[in-house]
Amino acid sequence: MAELLKPDFCVIGAGSGGLSVAAAAAAFGLSVVLIEKGRMGGDCLNYGCVPSKALIAAAKRVNDSAAARIFGVDTQPKVDFARTCRHVRKVIAAVGRNDSAQRFVGLGVRVIAGKGHFTDQTTVEIDGIRIQARRFVIATGSSPAIPPIPGLAQTPYFTNETIFDLSELPSRLVVLGGGSVGLELGQAFHRLGAQVTVIDIARPLARDDAECAQIVVDALIREGVEIRGGAGVKSVRTRQGLVELAVTCGEVEDTVTGSHLLVATGRSPNLDGLGLENAGIAYTKAGITVNRSLQTSNRRVYAIGDAAADGMMFTHVANYHAGLVIRHALFRLPAKMSYNTVPWVTFTDPELAHVGLTDEQVRSEGHRFRVMRWPYCENDRAQAERATSGHIKVVTSARGRILGATIVGAHAGELIAPWALAIKEGLNVRAMAEVVVPYPTLGEINKRAAMLFFASVAANPTIRRIVRWISRR
């Protein structure tokens, strides 16, 4: 006879979003069942953010050592790739303690390994266990999307889920896809000693501000990464132990050869085998259809993170979704998602960070706006660190309400946070201009960009006459 469980929450998927829901619900004393078919921690811990940033950190040390002579320090870096791989695995293990099944069992969560599926609108079944929860949360994440290129299925290739299994450094890595993952890993492997070619059918970093994205692309090209934007791949094959790609760019056809191929062409939500039809849950190939409270067409079921359609596929978005579900399902409070305040970062060197609207988006909507830029080279800390490449670009309404910000340069991912807060709170640029920033820090870049909004006011002849009159009284 099948075991029947009736918890308050059943969470399907133990990635970042699912773990956040499970932990929060358990902390408030609710009964929780957590189902995971693979590794606890999901893509972010095992294949994505954590290992990639660990690899990027190692590659940065190589680059910093090579550039140390400008500081009067002579070094000669030598890469032991096997040790680098051990470093990546150690980081995963250290972070993974917080995501382990043992920890969640200790929190009071019932953790079940396996693949659950809906049998009807109120029941999930897994290995003979029937679960009838008050609320279900689908947090199954996503997997690499593989393009239908002739010959690719018959050719050995890596994705972000397998690239960290390498124990030897590729001699020549071909990266298919010029988004964040492709450029981050492409630059990292190049710095570690591989020759790298990146191919993208569109412009690299196509979703980012074109002006700022080009600064990143130019930096990678100067380092020696070959980047081919606007290039299509007609076919892929293996020949004499190498990977060959037939590439077209306009009317020109060429062959790109590499020892290894990394496919980084986007992601697809993991929905197969969930039995969504049995539960009356609407979905498309883009993901599960949800309302602004992340409820599906079956109001007992929520979908979060990469499994939800029309969302941003980021770990911090999954955590954002988790908070909204807890707010809505536990406390019956209004919870409506808004992506306008969600920042994202490409962890190349220089970093590229963005939040809110770009000037192109505001222009297309027909609104009056202002754009302020301030370069890193005018910042004293950046000069001291020899990190002078890049700038900040801030978009405001004509009256100064902050609409968006893009930063390209050192530590852009850290510097974007105040702008996300400013947009969320609907602040005027005056708030950023009046904040006191410690000297010398890169944070002054934010303040100086904000102060530019008032530069035109100071140059206004009428304003200048008024100021002179007041100052003489």
Protein backbone atom coordinates (compact mmCIF):
# COMPACT_ATOMS: atom_id res chain seq x y z
CA MET A 1 0.00 0.00 0.00
CA ALA A 2 1.46 3.39 -1.07
CA GLU A 3 2.59 5.78 1.64
CA LEU A 4 0.45 8.92 1.74
CA LEU A 5 1.97 12.24 2.81
CA LYS A 6 -0.05 15.40 3.40
CA PRO A 7 2.47 18.20 4.02
CA ASP A 8 1.84 21.92 3.88
CA PHE A 9 4.36 22.28 1.06
CA CYS A 10 5.76 19.94 -1.57
CA VAL A 11 8.71 21.41 -3.43
CA ILE A 12 9.87 19.70 -6.63
CA GLY A 13 13.50 20.60 -7.28
CA ALA A 14 16.31 21.29 -4.82
CA GLY A 15 18.04 24.08 -6.67
CA SER A 16 18.47 27.55 -5.26
CA GLY A 17 14.80 28.57 -5.46
CA GLY A 18 13.41 25.28 -4.22
CA LEU A 19 15.80 25.18 -1.28
CA SER A 20 14.87 28.74 -0.32
CA VAL A 21 11.16 27.89 -0.26
CA ALA A 22 11.74 24.70 1.71
CA ALA A 23 13.99 26.38 4.28
CA ALA A 24 11.66 29.35 4.79
CA ALA A 25 8.52 27.23 5.10
CA ALA A 26 10.21 24.87 7.57
CA ALA A 27 11.49 27.83 9.59
CA PHE A 28 7.88 28.95 10.10
CA GLY A 29 6.94 25.51 11.39
CA LEU A 30 5.25 24.14 8.27
CA SER A 31 5.66 20.56 7.10
CA VAL A 32 7.68 20.31 3.88
CA VAL A 33 8.51 17.53 1.43
CA LEU A 34 11.41 18.24 -0.92
CA ILE A 35 11.92 16.13 -4.06
CA GLU A 36 15.17 16.12 -6.05
CA LYS A 37 16.08 13.73 -8.85
CA GLY A 38 19.72 14.84 -9.13
CA ARG A 39 22.21 16.66 -6.97
CA MET A 40 21.15 18.90 -4.12
CA GLY A 41 21.93 22.51 -4.94
CA GLY A 42 20.91 22.21 -8.56
CA ASP A 43 22.64 23.81 -11.51
CA CYS A 44 24.02 26.85 -9.69
CA LEU A 45 26.04 24.87 -7.15
CA ASN A 46 27.11 21.94 -9.29
CA TYR A 47 27.44 23.23 -12.85
CA GLY A 48 26.83 26.97 -12.98
CA CYS A 49 27.55 29.96 -10.80
CA VAL A 50 29.76 28.34 -8.18
CA PRO A 51 32.18 26.33 -10.37
CA SER A 52 32.33 28.97 -13.09
CA LYS A 53 33.19 31.74 -10.65
CA ALA A 54 35.79 29.51 -9.00
CA LEU A 55 37.37 28.91 -12.41
CA ILE A 56 37.18 32.62 -13.25
CA ALA A 57 38.88 33.44 -9.94
CA ALA A 58 41.76 31.10 -10.79
CA ALA A 59 42.08 32.59 -14.27
CA LYS A 60 42.11 36.11 -12.83
CA ARG A 61 45.07 35.19 -10.61
CA VAL A 62 46.98 34.16 -13.72
CA ASN A 63 46.17 37.44 -15.44
CA ASP A 64 47.00 39.50 -12.36
CA SER A 65 50.35 37.75 -12.04
CA ALA A 66 51.17 38.38 -15.67
CA ALA A 67 50.27 42.08 -15.28
CA ALA A 68 52.09 42.53 -11.96
CA ARG A 69 55.13 44.09 -13.61
CA ILE A 70 53.28 47.38 -14.04
CA PHE A 71 53.34 47.55 -10.22
CA GLY A 72 57.07 46.82 -10.13
CA VAL A 73 56.56 43.15 -9.30
CA ASP A 74 58.12 40.50 -11.52
CA THR A 75 56.32 37.15 -11.57
CA GLN A 76 56.00 34.26 -13.99
CA PRO A 77 52.69 32.41 -13.55
CA LYS A 78 52.53 28.69 -14.26
CA VAL A 79 49.18 26.92 -14.51
CA ASP A 80 48.69 23.42 -13.11
CA PHE A 81 45.23 22.75 -14.52
CA ALA A 82 44.69 19.62 -12.43
CA ARG A 83 45.18 21.68 -9.27
CA THR A 84 42.85 24.33 -10.67
CA CYS A 85 40.18 21.66 -11.10
CA ARG A 86 40.70 20.53 -7.52
CA HIS A 87 40.21 24.13 -6.41
CA VAL A 88 36.86 24.23 -8.26
CA ARG A 89 35.72 20.99 -6.65
CA LYS A 90 36.73 22.20 -3.18
CA VAL A 91 34.67 25.36 -3.63
CA ILE A 92 31.64 23.30 -4.69
CA ALA A 93 32.08 21.05 -1.64
CA ALA A 94 32.40 24.02 0.73
CA VAL A 95 29.32 25.79 -0.58
CA GLY A 96 27.43 22.50 -0.89
CA ARG A 97 27.30 21.96 2.86
CA ASN A 98 24.52 24.54 3.06
CA ASP A 99 22.54 22.71 0.36
CA SER A 100 23.00 19.17 1.62
CA ALA A 101 20.15 16.77 2.29
CA GLN A 102 21.46 16.31 5.83
CA ARG A 103 21.09 20.00 6.58
CA PHE A 104 17.52 20.12 5.30
CA VAL A 105 16.56 16.99 7.18
CA GLY A 106 17.90 18.77 10.25
CA LEU A 107 15.59 21.69 9.45
CA GLY A 108 12.64 19.28 9.53
CA VAL A 109 12.24 18.80 5.78
CA ARG A 110 11.41 15.37 4.38
CA VAL A 111 13.89 14.93 1.50
CA ILE A 112 13.04 12.35 -1.16
CA ALA A 113 15.49 11.42 -3.93
CA GLY A 114 13.83 10.64 -7.24
CA LYS A 115 11.63 12.08 -9.95
CA GLY A 116 8.14 13.11 -8.90
CA HIS A 117 5.20 13.59 -11.25
CA PHE A 118 1.62 14.81 -10.95
CA THR A 119 -1.06 12.16 -11.20
CA ASP A 120 -3.92 14.63 -10.80
CA GLN A 121 -4.49 18.22 -9.71
CA THR A 122 -3.77 17.52 -6.05
CA THR A 123 -1.31 14.63 -6.04
CA VAL A 124 2.36 14.05 -6.82
CA GLU A 125 3.71 10.52 -6.86
CA ILE A 126 7.29 9.35 -6.47
CA ASP A 127 8.48 5.75 -6.06
CA GLY A 128 5.20 4.56 -4.56
CA ILE A 129 4.81 7.59 -2.29
CA ARG A 130 1.75 9.77 -2.85
CA ILE A 131 1.98 13.40 -1.80
CA GLN A 132 -1.12 15.55 -1.38
CA ALA A 133 0.15 18.94 -0.27
CA ARG A 134 -1.72 22.16 0.44
CA ARG A 135 0.68 23.89 -1.92
CA PHE A 136 3.11 22.63 -4.55
CA VAL A 137 6.14 24.54 -5.86
CA ILE A 138 7.79 23.50 -9.12
CA ALA A 139 11.44 24.54 -9.05
CA THR A 140 12.97 22.12 -11.52
CA GLY A 141 15.38 24.58 -13.15
CA SER A 142 16.69 24.31 -16.68
CA SER A 143 19.18 22.45 -18.85
CA PRO A 144 21.46 23.53 -21.71
CA ALA A 145 19.57 24.15 -24.94
CA ILE A 146 21.29 22.36 -27.80
CA PRO A 147 20.78 23.94 -31.25
CA PRO A 148 19.73 21.71 -34.16
CA ILE A 149 22.99 22.03 -36.07
CA PRO A 150 23.66 19.20 -38.53
CA GLY A 151 26.30 16.84 -37.12
CA LEU A 152 26.29 18.27 -33.61
CA ALA A 153 24.49 15.28 -32.08
CA GLN A 154 27.19 12.98 -33.49
CA THR A 155 30.06 15.20 -32.26
CA PRO A 156 31.53 15.15 -28.75
CA TYR A 157 30.83 18.47 -27.04
CA PHE A 158 30.67 20.01 -23.59
CA THR A 159 28.04 22.13 -21.89
CA ASN A 160 28.25 23.99 -18.60
CA GLU A 161 27.09 20.71 -16.99
CA THR A 162 30.10 18.76 -18.24
CA ILE A 163 32.90 21.26 -18.88
CA PHE A 164 34.02 21.13 -15.25
CA ASP A 165 34.66 17.40 -15.58
CA LEU A 166 37.76 18.22 -17.63
CA SER A 167 41.03 17.20 -16.03
CA GLU A 168 43.28 18.52 -18.81
CA LEU A 169 43.31 22.00 -20.29
CA PRO A 170 41.96 22.12 -23.88
CA SER A 171 44.56 23.21 -26.38
CA ARG A 172 41.99 25.01 -28.52
CA LEU A 173 38.46 25.55 -27.23
CA VAL A 174 35.64 26.56 -29.58
CA VAL A 175 32.72 28.16 -27.75
CA LEU A 176 29.35 28.17 -29.47
CA GLY A 177 27.41 31.10 -27.99
CA GLY A 178 28.50 34.62 -27.10
CA GLY A 179 26.29 35.25 -24.11
CA SER A 180 27.41 35.56 -20.51
CA VAL A 181 28.32 31.88 -20.09
CA GLY A 182 30.21 31.69 -23.37
CA LEU A 183 32.29 34.80 -22.78
CA GLU A 184 32.93 34.12 -19.08
CA LEU A 185 34.21 30.61 -19.69
CA GLY A 186 35.94 31.57 -22.93
CA GLN A 187 38.00 34.26 -21.21
CA ALA A 188 38.74 32.01 -18.22
CA PHE A 189 40.03 29.12 -20.33
CA HIS A 190 42.07 31.53 -22.47
CA ARG A 191 43.75 33.00 -19.40
CA LEU A 192 44.53 29.50 -18.17
CA GLY A 193 46.36 28.80 -21.42
CA ALA A 194 43.88 27.61 -24.05
CA GLN A 195 43.37 29.15 -27.46
CA VAL A 196 39.72 30.20 -27.62
CA THR A 197 37.30 31.06 -30.42
CA VAL A 198 33.77 32.28 -29.60
CA ILE A 199 31.06 32.07 -32.27
CA ASP A 200 27.64 33.70 -32.01
CA ILE A 201 24.88 34.10 -34.56
CA ALA A 202 24.02 37.56 -33.14
CA ARG A 203 26.21 40.20 -31.55
CA PRO A 204 27.88 38.95 -28.38
CA LEU A 205 26.07 39.94 -25.17
CA ALA A 206 23.07 40.84 -27.30
CA ARG A 207 20.68 41.49 -24.40
CA ASP A 208 23.01 44.07 -22.81
CA ASP A 209 23.54 47.73 -23.59
CA ALA A 210 25.40 47.62 -26.93
CA GLU A 211 27.83 50.42 -26.05
CA CYS A 212 28.93 48.83 -22.79
CA ALA A 213 28.90 45.27 -24.13
CA GLN A 214 31.33 46.29 -26.86
CA ILE A 215 33.85 47.37 -24.21
CA VAL A 216 33.81 43.81 -22.85
CA VAL A 217 34.15 42.28 -26.31
CA ASP A 218 37.05 44.59 -27.19
CA ALA A 219 38.81 43.69 -23.93
CA LEU A 220 38.58 39.97 -24.68
CA ILE A 221 39.83 40.49 -28.22
CA ARG A 222 42.84 42.45 -26.90
CA GLU A 223 43.63 39.52 -24.61
CA GLY A 224 43.67 37.19 -27.60
CA VAL A 225 40.20 35.62 -27.57
CA GLU A 226 38.87 35.32 -31.13
CA ILE A 227 35.24 36.45 -31.27
CA ARG A 228 33.06 36.00 -34.33
CA GLY A 229 29.74 37.77 -34.04
CA GLY A 230 26.98 37.50 -36.63
CA ALA A 231 28.29 34.09 -37.67
CA GLY A 232 26.16 31.03 -38.39
CA VAL A 233 27.24 27.42 -38.05
CA LYS A 234 26.14 25.26 -40.99
CA SER A 235 27.47 21.96 -39.68
CA VAL A 236 29.75 20.30 -37.16
CA ARG A 237 31.88 17.19 -37.53
CA THR A 238 34.81 15.34 -36.01
CA ARG A 239 37.86 14.89 -38.24
CA GLN A 240 41.17 13.34 -37.19
CA GLY A 241 40.36 13.81 -33.53
CA LEU A 242 39.45 17.49 -33.92
CA VAL A 243 36.14 19.31 -34.03
CA GLU A 244 35.39 21.17 -37.26
CA LEU A 245 32.67 23.79 -37.62
CA ALA A 246 31.56 25.10 -41.01
CA VAL A 247 30.96 28.78 -40.26
CA THR A 248 29.33 31.45 -42.43
CA CYS A 249 29.52 35.20 -41.95
CA GLY A 250 27.58 36.99 -44.64
CA GLU A 251 28.75 35.53 -47.95
CA VAL A 252 32.02 34.26 -46.48
CA GLU A 253 32.37 30.61 -45.49
CA ASP A 254 35.15 29.35 -43.25
CA THR A 255 36.16 26.36 -41.15
CA VAL A 256 36.89 26.69 -37.45
CA THR A 257 38.83 23.86 -35.85
CA GLY A 258 39.28 23.06 -32.20
CA SER A 259 40.30 20.31 -29.81
CA HIS A 260 37.14 20.78 -27.70
CA LEU A 261 33.70 22.28 -28.27
CA LEU A 262 31.62 24.05 -25.62
CA VAL A 263 27.96 24.65 -26.43
CA ALA A 264 26.62 27.69 -24.53
CA THR A 265 23.57 28.68 -26.56
CA GLY A 266 20.99 29.22 -23.85
CA ARG A 267 18.83 27.05 -21.62
CA SER A 268 15.49 25.22 -21.68
CA PRO A 269 13.20 24.62 -18.67
CA ASN A 270 13.12 21.11 -17.19
CA LEU A 271 9.47 20.09 -17.59
CA ASP A 272 9.61 16.59 -19.08
CA GLY A 273 8.02 13.86 -17.03
CA LEU A 274 6.31 16.16 -14.52
CA GLY A 275 2.82 15.19 -15.65
CA LEU A 276 1.75 18.82 -15.93
CA GLU A 277 -1.23 17.90 -18.09
CA ASN A 278 -2.56 15.65 -15.32
CA ALA A 279 -2.54 18.60 -12.94
CA GLY A 280 -4.12 21.08 -15.35
CA ILE A 281 -0.95 23.19 -15.50
CA ALA A 282 -0.50 25.25 -18.65
CA TYR A 283 2.97 25.53 -20.16
CA THR A 284 4.89 26.22 -23.36
CA LYS A 285 8.41 25.38 -24.47
CA ALA A 286 9.47 28.61 -22.70
CA GLY A 287 8.27 27.29 -19.35
CA ILE A 288 5.24 27.05 -17.10
CA THR A 289 2.70 29.83 -17.49
CA VAL A 290 2.36 31.84 -14.26
CA ASN A 291 0.62 34.98 -13.09
CA ARG A 292 2.39 37.86 -11.34
CA SER A 293 2.15 35.94 -8.05
CA LEU A 294 3.83 32.94 -9.72
CA GLN A 295 0.72 30.78 -9.51
CA THR A 296 0.09 28.40 -12.38
CA SER A 297 -3.27 27.67 -13.98
CA ASN A 298 -3.68 25.22 -11.07
CA ARG A 299 -3.87 27.69 -8.17
CA ARG A 300 -2.49 25.14 -5.70
CA VAL A 301 0.75 25.04 -7.70
CA TYR A 302 3.47 27.69 -8.06
CA ALA A 303 6.36 27.66 -10.54
CA ILE A 304 9.58 29.53 -9.83
CA GLY A 305 13.04 30.10 -11.25
CA ASP A 306 13.95 28.75 -14.66
CA ALA A 307 10.83 26.56 -14.74
CA ALA A 308 8.59 29.64 -14.96
CA ALA A 309 8.01 31.14 -18.39
CA ASP A 310 9.12 34.63 -19.39
CA GLY A 311 11.47 35.02 -16.45
CA MET A 312 15.16 35.73 -16.16
CA MET A 313 17.24 32.59 -15.75
CA PHE A 314 19.39 33.68 -12.81
CA THR A 315 19.94 32.20 -9.37
CA HIS A 316 19.03 35.46 -7.67
CA VAL A 317 15.77 35.56 -9.63
CA ALA A 318 14.90 32.07 -8.36
CA ASN A 319 15.54 33.31 -4.83
CA TYR A 320 13.43 36.40 -5.54
CA HIS A 321 10.63 34.13 -6.74
CA ALA A 322 10.96 32.01 -3.61
CA GLY A 323 10.44 35.06 -1.43
CA LEU A 324 7.33 36.02 -3.36
CA VAL A 325 5.87 32.52 -3.00
CA ILE A 326 6.48 32.51 0.75
CA ARG A 327 4.89 35.94 1.04
CA HIS A 328 1.86 34.95 -1.02
CA ALA A 329 1.30 31.36 0.10
CA LEU A 330 2.15 31.64 3.79
CA PHE A 331 0.96 35.10 4.67
CA ARG A 332 -1.67 35.73 1.98
CA LEU A 333 0.03 39.04 1.24
CA PRO A 334 0.12 40.68 -2.20
CA ALA A 335 3.15 39.48 -4.14
CA LYS A 336 3.72 40.63 -7.68
CA MET A 337 6.97 40.08 -9.50
CA SER A 338 8.65 42.94 -11.33
CA TYR A 339 11.83 42.39 -13.28
CA ASN A 340 12.58 46.08 -13.68
CA THR A 341 14.48 46.09 -10.39
CA VAL A 342 16.41 42.85 -10.97
CA PRO A 343 20.10 43.37 -11.80
CA TRP A 344 22.33 40.97 -13.66
CA VAL A 345 26.08 40.64 -14.07
CA THR A 346 28.40 39.12 -16.65
CA PHE A 347 31.54 38.10 -14.75
CA THR A 348 34.06 38.76 -17.46
CA ASP A 349 37.00 41.09 -16.90
CA PRO A 350 35.89 43.86 -17.10
CA GLU A 351 32.58 42.95 -15.49
CA LEU A 352 29.31 44.10 -17.04
CA ALA A 353 26.36 44.85 -14.74
CA HIS A 354 22.91 46.23 -15.50
CA VAL A 355 19.60 47.05 -13.84
CA GLY A 356 16.46 48.75 -15.10
CA LEU A 357 16.01 50.28 -18.54
CA THR A 358 18.61 51.16 -21.16
CA ASP A 359 18.55 54.44 -23.05
CA GLU A 360 17.44 52.54 -26.18
CA GLN A 361 14.43 51.12 -24.34
CA VAL A 362 13.41 54.52 -22.95
CA ARG A 363 13.86 56.12 -26.36
CA SER A 364 11.68 53.48 -28.02
CA GLU A 365 8.91 54.33 -25.56
CA GLY A 366 9.04 57.96 -26.63
CA HIS A 367 9.89 59.44 -23.22
CA ARG A 368 12.25 62.33 -22.53
CA PHE A 369 15.32 61.19 -20.64
CA ARG A 370 18.86 62.03 -19.61
CA VAL A 371 22.02 59.93 -19.81
CA MET A 372 25.03 60.48 -17.53
CA ARG A 373 28.39 58.75 -18.00
CA TRP A 374 31.46 58.74 -15.79
CA PRO A 375 34.70 56.93 -16.69
CA TYR A 376 36.72 54.72 -14.38
CA CYS A 377 39.87 56.59 -15.42
CA GLU A 378 38.61 59.66 -13.50
CA ASN A 379 38.44 57.65 -10.27
CA ASP A 380 41.48 57.78 -7.96
CA ARG A 381 41.07 54.22 -6.66
CA ALA A 382 40.80 52.88 -10.19
CA GLN A 383 44.04 54.68 -11.05
CA ALA A 384 45.78 53.22 -8.00
CA GLU A 385 44.58 49.72 -8.95
CA ARG A 386 45.35 50.25 -12.66
CA ALA A 387 41.72 49.31 -13.35
CA THR A 388 40.82 52.30 -15.49
CA SER A 389 38.92 50.56 -18.29
CA GLY A 390 35.18 51.11 -18.42
CA HIS A 391 32.51 53.55 -17.30
CA ILE A 392 29.10 53.88 -15.70
CA LYS A 393 26.05 54.89 -17.69
CA VAL A 394 22.95 56.11 -15.85
CA VAL A 395 19.54 56.76 -17.42
CA THR A 396 17.03 59.05 -15.72
CA SER A 397 13.76 60.71 -16.62
CA ALA A 398 13.88 64.38 -17.60
CA ARG A 399 13.17 65.25 -13.95
CA GLY A 400 15.79 62.93 -12.56
CA ARG A 401 13.96 59.74 -11.55
CA ILE A 402 16.44 56.89 -11.91
CA LEU A 403 15.36 54.48 -14.66
CA GLY A 404 18.40 52.32 -15.27
CA ALA A 405 22.14 51.90 -14.89
CA THR A 406 24.83 49.93 -16.68
CA ILE A 407 28.37 49.60 -15.37
CA VAL A 408 31.27 48.08 -17.27
CA GLY A 409 34.51 47.83 -15.36
CA ALA A 410 36.16 46.41 -12.26
CA HIS A 411 33.71 45.22 -9.57
CA ALA A 412 30.70 46.34 -11.60
CA GLY A 413 28.65 43.60 -9.98
CA GLU A 414 29.22 45.13 -6.55
CA LEU A 415 28.65 48.70 -7.73
CA ILE A 416 25.26 48.01 -9.33
CA ALA A 417 23.48 47.22 -6.05
CA PRO A 418 22.74 50.86 -5.01
CA TRP A 419 21.14 51.50 -8.39
CA ALA A 420 18.87 48.46 -7.98
CA LEU A 421 17.75 49.86 -4.62
CA ALA A 422 17.26 53.32 -6.10
CA ILE A 423 15.03 52.00 -8.90
CA LYS A 424 13.04 49.84 -6.49
CA GLU A 425 12.38 52.82 -4.23
CA GLY A 426 11.68 55.22 -7.11
CA LEU A 427 14.49 57.56 -6.04
CA ASN A 428 15.56 60.73 -7.76
CA VAL A 429 19.17 60.96 -8.89
CA ARG A 430 19.63 63.65 -6.24
CA ALA A 431 19.65 60.91 -3.59
CA MET A 432 22.69 59.29 -5.18
CA ALA A 433 24.41 62.64 -5.70
CA GLU A 434 24.00 63.58 -2.02
CA VAL A 435 25.20 60.30 -0.49
CA VAL A 436 28.57 60.45 1.29
CA VAL A 437 31.00 57.94 -0.23
CA PRO A 438 34.31 56.97 1.42
CA TYR A 439 37.48 58.03 -0.38
CA PRO A 440 39.20 56.50 -2.24
CA THR A 441 36.72 53.86 -3.40
CA LEU A 442 35.21 52.82 -6.70
CA GLY A 443 31.86 53.76 -5.20
CA GLU A 444 32.65 57.37 -6.05
CA ILE A 445 31.94 56.47 -9.66
CA ASN A 446 28.25 56.14 -8.80
CA LYS A 447 28.17 59.52 -7.06
CA ARG A 448 30.07 61.36 -9.80
CA ALA A 449 27.73 60.04 -12.48
CA ALA A 450 24.73 61.19 -10.45
CA MET A 451 26.23 64.66 -9.97
CA LEU A 452 26.46 65.10 -13.74
CA PHE A 453 22.68 65.45 -13.82
CA PHE A 454 23.06 68.86 -12.18
CA ALA A 455 25.98 70.02 -14.33
CA SER A 456 23.66 71.55 -16.91
CA VAL A 457 21.80 73.36 -14.15
CA ALA A 458 25.05 74.88 -12.90
CA ALA A 459 25.89 76.04 -16.43
CA ASN A 460 22.51 77.76 -16.92
CA PRO A 461 23.13 81.55 -17.12
CA THR A 462 19.95 82.37 -15.22
CA ILE A 463 20.80 79.98 -12.41
CA ARG A 464 24.34 81.37 -12.26
CA ARG A 465 23.02 84.94 -11.89
CA ILE A 466 20.67 83.86 -9.10
CA VAL A 467 23.52 82.11 -7.27
CA ARG A 468 25.74 85.19 -7.58
CA TRP A 469 22.95 87.38 -6.24
CA ILE A 470 22.31 85.08 -3.27
CA SER A 471 26.00 84.75 -2.45
CA ARG A 472 26.42 88.55 -2.25
CA ARG A 473 23.65 89.11 0.23
